[in-house]
């Protein structure tokens, strides 16, 4: 049985990102996976890493639970909207506060890092209101994806990360959105194998 954690980085629980997360979870459960869900916007924590890495802030219970779920998982599905070519502030704050040295990575004396989330795979689903995948790749060099995939997840040891871009949402008809949901459900079935 696959252990999957779905992380929704959209702060609004009525967003299309929540529809994506719900559809993925339902399909993964039907395929026999065990699933846990982290709605980052509903967690109670201070997103500001006030002291950088100089002084450790105490982790709030919601962050400790989220980290336990991430450690428990075999596969992680990160869903978020693209805002200003990156993730929402609350999601960035989640990484700043929870993905800390000694928890999700460690560095040796030469400065090279070792990811402490090794052995896990990932999937990133990014939505954008008014940006097409071609513009995102060609004009903006997939900047938000590079930050999340390379700069955070792979740095922390997560491998075999697949990524998907849904946009522009403003131009998608209900039929188009439905087609995406069919694909999301297929992703969940494949991830459950």
C-alpha atoms as a PDB file:
ATOM      1  CA  UNK A   1       0.000   0.000   0.000  1.00  0.00           C
ATOM      2  CA  UNK A   2       1.425   3.372  -1.070  1.00  0.00           C
ATOM      3  CA  UNK A   3       1.589   6.138   1.549  1.00  0.00           C
ATOM      4  CA  UNK A   4       0.791   9.441  -0.137  1.00  0.00           C
ATOM      5  CA  UNK A   5       0.631  12.910   1.356  1.00  0.00           C
ATOM      6  CA  UNK A   6      -1.164  15.614  -0.626  1.00  0.00           C
ATOM      7  CA  UNK A   7      -0.118  19.185   0.168  1.00  0.00           C
ATOM      8  CA  UNK A   8      -2.359  22.025  -0.988  1.00  0.00           C
ATOM      9  CA  UNK A   9      -0.523  25.354  -0.949  1.00  0.00           C
ATOM     10  CA  UNK A  10      -3.517  27.511  -1.927  1.00  0.00           C
ATOM     11  CA  UNK A  11      -4.781  29.520   1.068  1.00  0.00           C
ATOM     12  CA  UNK A  12      -8.402  29.500  -0.187  1.00  0.00           C
ATOM     13  CA  UNK A  13     -10.147  26.182   0.443  1.00  0.00           C
ATOM     14  CA  UNK A  14     -12.723  27.024  -2.258  1.00  0.00           C
ATOM     15  CA  UNK A  15     -10.080  27.207  -5.002  1.00  0.00           C
ATOM     16  CA  UNK A  16      -9.623  24.929  -8.013  1.00  0.00           C
ATOM     17  CA  UNK A  17      -6.496  23.698  -6.213  1.00  0.00           C
ATOM     18  CA  UNK A  18      -8.777  22.229  -3.532  1.00  0.00           C
ATOM     19  CA  UNK A  19     -10.871  20.523  -6.224  1.00  0.00           C
ATOM     20  CA  UNK A  20      -7.649  19.058  -7.622  1.00  0.00           C
ATOM     21  CA  UNK A  21      -6.547  17.880  -4.170  1.00  0.00           C
ATOM     22  CA  UNK A  22      -9.948  16.324  -3.368  1.00  0.00           C
ATOM     23  CA  UNK A  23     -10.077  14.542  -6.731  1.00  0.00           C
ATOM     24  CA  UNK A  24      -6.555  13.200  -6.350  1.00  0.00           C
ATOM     25  CA  UNK A  25      -7.235  11.979  -2.793  1.00  0.00           C
ATOM     26  CA  UNK A  26     -10.492  10.248  -3.754  1.00  0.00           C
ATOM     27  CA  UNK A  27      -8.839   8.443  -6.666  1.00  0.00           C
ATOM     28  CA  UNK A  28      -5.767   7.432  -4.635  1.00  0.00           C
ATOM     29  CA  UNK A  29      -7.963   6.021  -1.863  1.00  0.00           C
ATOM     30  CA  UNK A  30     -10.024   4.088  -4.410  1.00  0.00           C
ATOM     31  CA  UNK A  31      -6.760   2.683  -5.818  1.00  0.00           C
ATOM     32  CA  UNK A  32      -5.796   1.379  -2.373  1.00  0.00           C
ATOM     33  CA  UNK A  33      -3.338   4.009  -1.190  1.00  0.00           C
ATOM     34  CA  UNK A  34      -3.250   5.414   2.304  1.00  0.00           C
ATOM     35  CA  UNK A  35      -3.515   9.211   2.056  1.00  0.00           C
ATOM     36  CA  UNK A  36      -2.908  12.131   4.387  1.00  0.00           C
ATOM     37  CA  UNK A  37      -3.738  15.753   3.565  1.00  0.00           C
ATOM     38  CA  UNK A  38      -2.026  19.007   4.469  1.00  0.00           C
ATOM     39  CA  UNK A  39      -3.934  22.208   3.670  1.00  0.00           C
ATOM     40  CA  UNK A  40      -1.167  24.724   4.288  1.00  0.00           C
ATOM     41  CA  UNK A  41      -3.581  27.677   4.458  1.00  0.00           C
ATOM     42  CA  UNK A  42      -5.446  26.057   7.354  1.00  0.00           C
ATOM     43  CA  UNK A  43      -2.377  25.401   9.515  1.00  0.00           C
ATOM     44  CA  UNK A  44      -1.821  27.543  12.591  1.00  0.00           C
ATOM     45  CA  UNK A  45       1.795  28.743  12.529  1.00  0.00           C
ATOM     46  CA  UNK A  46       3.920  31.860  12.202  1.00  0.00           C
ATOM     47  CA  UNK A  47       5.242  31.819   8.599  1.00  0.00           C
ATOM     48  CA  UNK A  48       8.070  34.254   9.388  1.00  0.00           C
ATOM     49  CA  UNK A  49      11.465  32.662  10.071  1.00  0.00           C
ATOM     50  CA  UNK A  50      12.343  35.586  12.353  1.00  0.00           C
ATOM     51  CA  UNK A  51      15.917  34.662  13.199  1.00  0.00           C
ATOM     52  CA  UNK A  52      16.949  32.831  10.031  1.00  0.00           C
ATOM     53  CA  UNK A  53      19.006  29.779  10.970  1.00  0.00           C
ATOM     54  CA  UNK A  54      20.812  31.666  13.790  1.00  0.00           C
ATOM     55  CA  UNK A  55      18.209  30.788  16.415  1.00  0.00           C
ATOM     56  CA  UNK A  56      15.674  27.967  16.170  1.00  0.00           C
ATOM     57  CA  UNK A  57      12.034  28.919  16.681  1.00  0.00           C
ATOM     58  CA  UNK A  58       9.842  26.375  18.416  1.00  0.00           C
ATOM     59  CA  UNK A  59       7.745  24.474  15.877  1.00  0.00           C
ATOM     60  CA  UNK A  60       4.007  24.809  16.358  1.00  0.00           C
ATOM     61  CA  UNK A  61       1.911  21.597  16.689  1.00  0.00           C
ATOM     62  CA  UNK A  62       0.524  21.968  13.139  1.00  0.00           C
ATOM     63  CA  UNK A  63       4.061  22.107  11.704  1.00  0.00           C
ATOM     64  CA  UNK A  64       5.132  19.081  13.758  1.00  0.00           C
ATOM     65  CA  UNK A  65       2.108  17.123  12.459  1.00  0.00           C
ATOM     66  CA  UNK A  66       2.805  18.188   8.871  1.00  0.00           C
ATOM     67  CA  UNK A  67       6.462  17.135   9.184  1.00  0.00           C
ATOM     68  CA  UNK A  68       5.377  13.776  10.607  1.00  0.00           C
ATOM     69  CA  UNK A  69       3.077  13.289   7.609  1.00  0.00           C
ATOM     70  CA  UNK A  70       5.884  14.195   5.185  1.00  0.00           C
ATOM     71  CA  UNK A  71       8.275  11.775   6.928  1.00  0.00           C
ATOM     72  CA  UNK A  72       5.584   9.044   6.853  1.00  0.00           C
ATOM     73  CA  UNK A  73       4.990   9.354   3.110  1.00  0.00           C
ATOM     74  CA  UNK A  74       6.383   7.383   0.194  1.00  0.00           C
ATOM     75  CA  UNK A  75       5.078   9.931  -2.311  1.00  0.00           C
ATOM     76  CA  UNK A  76       4.304  13.642  -2.026  1.00  0.00           C
ATOM     77  CA  UNK A  77       1.909  15.623  -4.220  1.00  0.00           C
ATOM     78  CA  UNK A  78       2.413  19.394  -4.061  1.00  0.00           C
ATOM     79  CA  UNK A  79      -0.457  21.489  -5.475  1.00  0.00           C
ATOM     80  CA  UNK A  80      -0.232  25.281  -5.639  1.00  0.00           C
ATOM     81  CA  UNK A  81      -1.166  28.338  -7.662  1.00  0.00           C
ATOM     82  CA  UNK A  82       1.467  30.428  -9.373  1.00  0.00           C
ATOM     83  CA  UNK A  83       1.426  33.932  -7.883  1.00  0.00           C
ATOM     84  CA  UNK A  84       4.064  36.432  -8.999  1.00  0.00           C
ATOM     85  CA  UNK A  85       5.912  33.510 -10.650  1.00  0.00           C
ATOM     86  CA  UNK A  86       6.183  31.631  -7.358  1.00  0.00           C
ATOM     87  CA  UNK A  87       4.195  29.967  -4.624  1.00  0.00           C
ATOM     88  CA  UNK A  88       1.813  31.801  -2.266  1.00  0.00           C
ATOM     89  CA  UNK A  89       3.429  33.444   0.758  1.00  0.00           C
ATOM     90  CA  UNK A  90       1.887  30.984   3.234  1.00  0.00           C
ATOM     91  CA  UNK A  91       3.409  28.048   1.330  1.00  0.00           C
ATOM     92  CA  UNK A  92       6.822  29.737   1.238  1.00  0.00           C
ATOM     93  CA  UNK A  93       6.468  30.405   4.965  1.00  0.00           C
ATOM     94  CA  UNK A  94       5.697  26.715   5.480  1.00  0.00           C
ATOM     95  CA  UNK A  95       8.987  25.774   3.823  1.00  0.00           C
ATOM     96  CA  UNK A  96      10.904  28.481   5.686  1.00  0.00           C
ATOM     97  CA  UNK A  97       9.622  27.299   9.052  1.00  0.00           C
ATOM     98  CA  UNK A  98       9.419  23.508   8.601  1.00  0.00           C
ATOM     99  CA  UNK A  99      12.161  22.561   6.114  1.00  0.00           C
ATOM    100  CA  UNK A 100      15.056  23.194   8.460  1.00  0.00           C
ATOM    101  CA  UNK A 101      18.617  21.904   8.871  1.00  0.00           C
ATOM    102  CA  UNK A 102      18.565  18.606  10.705  1.00  0.00           C
ATOM    103  CA  UNK A 103      14.902  18.039   9.792  1.00  0.00           C
ATOM    104  CA  UNK A 104      14.726  17.875   5.985  1.00  0.00           C
ATOM    105  CA  UNK A 105      18.409  18.337   5.081  1.00  0.00           C
ATOM    106  CA  UNK A 106      21.845  18.570   6.620  1.00  0.00           C
ATOM    107  CA  UNK A 107      25.094  20.097   5.414  1.00  0.00           C
ATOM    108  CA  UNK A 108      28.584  18.834   6.050  1.00  0.00           C
ATOM    109  CA  UNK A 109      31.701  20.877   6.749  1.00  0.00           C
ATOM    110  CA  UNK A 110      32.429  21.297   3.039  1.00  0.00           C
ATOM    111  CA  UNK A 111      29.001  22.876   2.526  1.00  0.00           C
ATOM    112  CA  UNK A 112      27.463  20.077   0.480  1.00  0.00           C
ATOM    113  CA  UNK A 113      23.952  19.072   1.460  1.00  0.00           C
ATOM    114  CA  UNK A 114      22.328  15.738   2.104  1.00  0.00           C
ATOM    115  CA  UNK A 115      18.559  15.480   1.749  1.00  0.00           C
ATOM    116  CA  UNK A 116      16.856  13.792   4.690  1.00  0.00           C
ATOM    117  CA  UNK A 117      13.681  13.000   2.712  1.00  0.00           C
ATOM    118  CA  UNK A 118      15.448  10.422   0.526  1.00  0.00           C
ATOM    119  CA  UNK A 119      13.455   7.450  -0.688  1.00  0.00           C
ATOM    120  CA  UNK A 120      10.392   9.531  -1.530  1.00  0.00           C
ATOM    121  CA  UNK A 121       9.014  10.513  -4.912  1.00  0.00           C
ATOM    122  CA  UNK A 122       7.000  13.574  -5.828  1.00  0.00           C
ATOM    123  CA  UNK A 123       4.555  15.251  -8.141  1.00  0.00           C
ATOM    124  CA  UNK A 124       3.994  18.999  -8.537  1.00  0.00           C
ATOM    125  CA  UNK A 125       0.750  20.402  -9.941  1.00  0.00           C
ATOM    126  CA  UNK A 126       0.901  24.148 -10.594  1.00  0.00           C
ATOM    127  CA  UNK A 127      -2.072  26.273 -11.638  1.00  0.00           C
ATOM    128  CA  UNK A 128      -1.959  29.750 -13.158  1.00  0.00           C
ATOM    129  CA  UNK A 129      -4.812  32.181 -13.731  1.00  0.00           C
ATOM    130  CA  UNK A 130      -3.577  34.059 -16.786  1.00  0.00           C
ATOM    131  CA  UNK A 131      -0.332  32.398 -17.855  1.00  0.00           C
ATOM    132  CA  UNK A 132       0.119  29.645 -20.433  1.00  0.00           C
ATOM    133  CA  UNK A 133       2.638  26.852 -20.058  1.00  0.00           C
ATOM    134  CA  UNK A 134       4.516  28.127 -23.119  1.00  0.00           C
ATOM    135  CA  UNK A 135       4.894  31.632 -21.656  1.00  0.00           C
ATOM    136  CA  UNK A 136       5.906  30.173 -18.302  1.00  0.00           C
ATOM    137  CA  UNK A 137       8.659  28.094 -19.900  1.00  0.00           C
ATOM    138  CA  UNK A 138       9.858  30.462 -22.620  1.00  0.00           C
ATOM    139  CA  UNK A 139       9.545  33.901 -21.017  1.00  0.00           C
ATOM    140  CA  UNK A 140       9.892  33.088 -17.315  1.00  0.00           C
ATOM    141  CA  UNK A 141      12.096  29.962 -17.515  1.00  0.00           C
ATOM    142  CA  UNK A 142       9.717  28.014 -15.208  1.00  0.00           C
ATOM    143  CA  UNK A 143      11.133  30.024 -12.305  1.00  0.00           C
ATOM    144  CA  UNK A 144       8.619  28.911  -9.667  1.00  0.00           C
ATOM    145  CA  UNK A 145       8.998  25.271 -10.658  1.00  0.00           C
ATOM    146  CA  UNK A 146      12.786  25.489 -10.384  1.00  0.00           C
ATOM    147  CA  UNK A 147      12.470  26.959  -6.888  1.00  0.00           C
ATOM    148  CA  UNK A 148      10.131  24.206  -5.671  1.00  0.00           C
ATOM    149  CA  UNK A 149      11.478  21.211  -7.583  1.00  0.00           C
ATOM    150  CA  UNK A 150      15.229  21.842  -7.572  1.00  0.00           C
ATOM    151  CA  UNK A 151      15.746  24.359  -4.802  1.00  0.00           C
ATOM    152  CA  UNK A 152      13.555  22.688  -2.179  1.00  0.00           C
ATOM    153  CA  UNK A 153      12.280  19.169  -2.891  1.00  0.00           C
ATOM    154  CA  UNK A 154      15.292  17.665  -4.711  1.00  0.00           C
ATOM    155  CA  UNK A 155      17.642  19.491  -2.321  1.00  0.00           C
ATOM    156  CA  UNK A 156      15.862  17.663   0.513  1.00  0.00           C
ATOM    157  CA  UNK A 157      16.209  14.277  -1.230  1.00  0.00           C
ATOM    158  CA  UNK A 158      12.879  13.786  -3.001  1.00  0.00           C
ATOM    159  CA  UNK A 159      13.435  12.172  -6.405  1.00  0.00           C
ATOM    160  CA  UNK A 160      11.553  11.287  -9.591  1.00  0.00           C
ATOM    161  CA  UNK A 161       9.450  14.438  -9.394  1.00  0.00           C
ATOM    162  CA  UNK A 162       6.892  14.814 -12.164  1.00  0.00           C
ATOM    163  CA  UNK A 163       5.417  18.250 -12.818  1.00  0.00           C
ATOM    164  CA  UNK A 164       2.273  19.540 -14.488  1.00  0.00           C
ATOM    165  CA  UNK A 165       1.129  23.058 -15.350  1.00  0.00           C
ATOM    166  CA  UNK A 166      -2.561  23.948 -15.643  1.00  0.00           C
ATOM    167  CA  UNK A 167      -3.255  27.321 -17.169  1.00  0.00           C
ATOM    168  CA  UNK A 168      -4.434  29.798 -18.009  1.00  0.00           C
ATOM    169  CA  UNK A 169      -7.338  28.920 -15.706  1.00  0.00           C
ATOM    170  CA  UNK A 170      -9.256  32.025 -16.771  1.00  0.00           C
ATOM    171  CA  UNK A 171      -9.522  30.562 -20.282  1.00  0.00           C
ATOM    172  CA  UNK A 172     -10.541  27.026 -19.243  1.00  0.00           C
ATOM    173  CA  UNK A 173     -14.151  26.024 -19.784  1.00  0.00           C
ATOM    174  CA  UNK A 174     -15.936  23.732 -17.342  1.00  0.00           C
ATOM    175  CA  UNK A 175     -15.326  20.946 -19.855  1.00  0.00           C
ATOM    176  CA  UNK A 176     -11.571  21.733 -19.882  1.00  0.00           C
ATOM    177  CA  UNK A 177     -11.464  21.721 -16.080  1.00  0.00           C
ATOM    178  CA  UNK A 178     -13.296  18.404 -16.083  1.00  0.00           C
ATOM    179  CA  UNK A 179     -10.702  16.981 -18.471  1.00  0.00           C
ATOM    180  CA  UNK A 180      -7.954  18.070 -16.102  1.00  0.00           C
ATOM    181  CA  UNK A 181      -9.732  16.376 -13.196  1.00  0.00           C
ATOM    182  CA  UNK A 182      -9.833  13.134 -15.204  1.00  0.00           C
ATOM    183  CA  UNK A 183      -6.059  13.436 -15.658  1.00  0.00           C
ATOM    184  CA  UNK A 184      -5.562  14.205 -11.959  1.00  0.00           C
ATOM    185  CA  UNK A 185      -7.456  11.032 -11.067  1.00  0.00           C
ATOM    186  CA  UNK A 186      -5.249   9.091 -13.493  1.00  0.00           C
ATOM    187  CA  UNK A 187      -2.135  10.534 -11.823  1.00  0.00           C
ATOM    188  CA  UNK A 188      -3.428   9.292  -8.457  1.00  0.00           C
ATOM    189  CA  UNK A 189      -4.009   5.781  -9.825  1.00  0.00           C
ATOM    190  CA  UNK A 190      -0.504   5.691 -11.365  1.00  0.00           C
ATOM    191  CA  UNK A 191       1.055   7.016  -8.156  1.00  0.00           C
ATOM    192  CA  UNK A 192      -0.741   4.284  -6.195  1.00  0.00           C
ATOM    193  CA  UNK A 193       0.952   1.456  -8.124  1.00  0.00           C
END
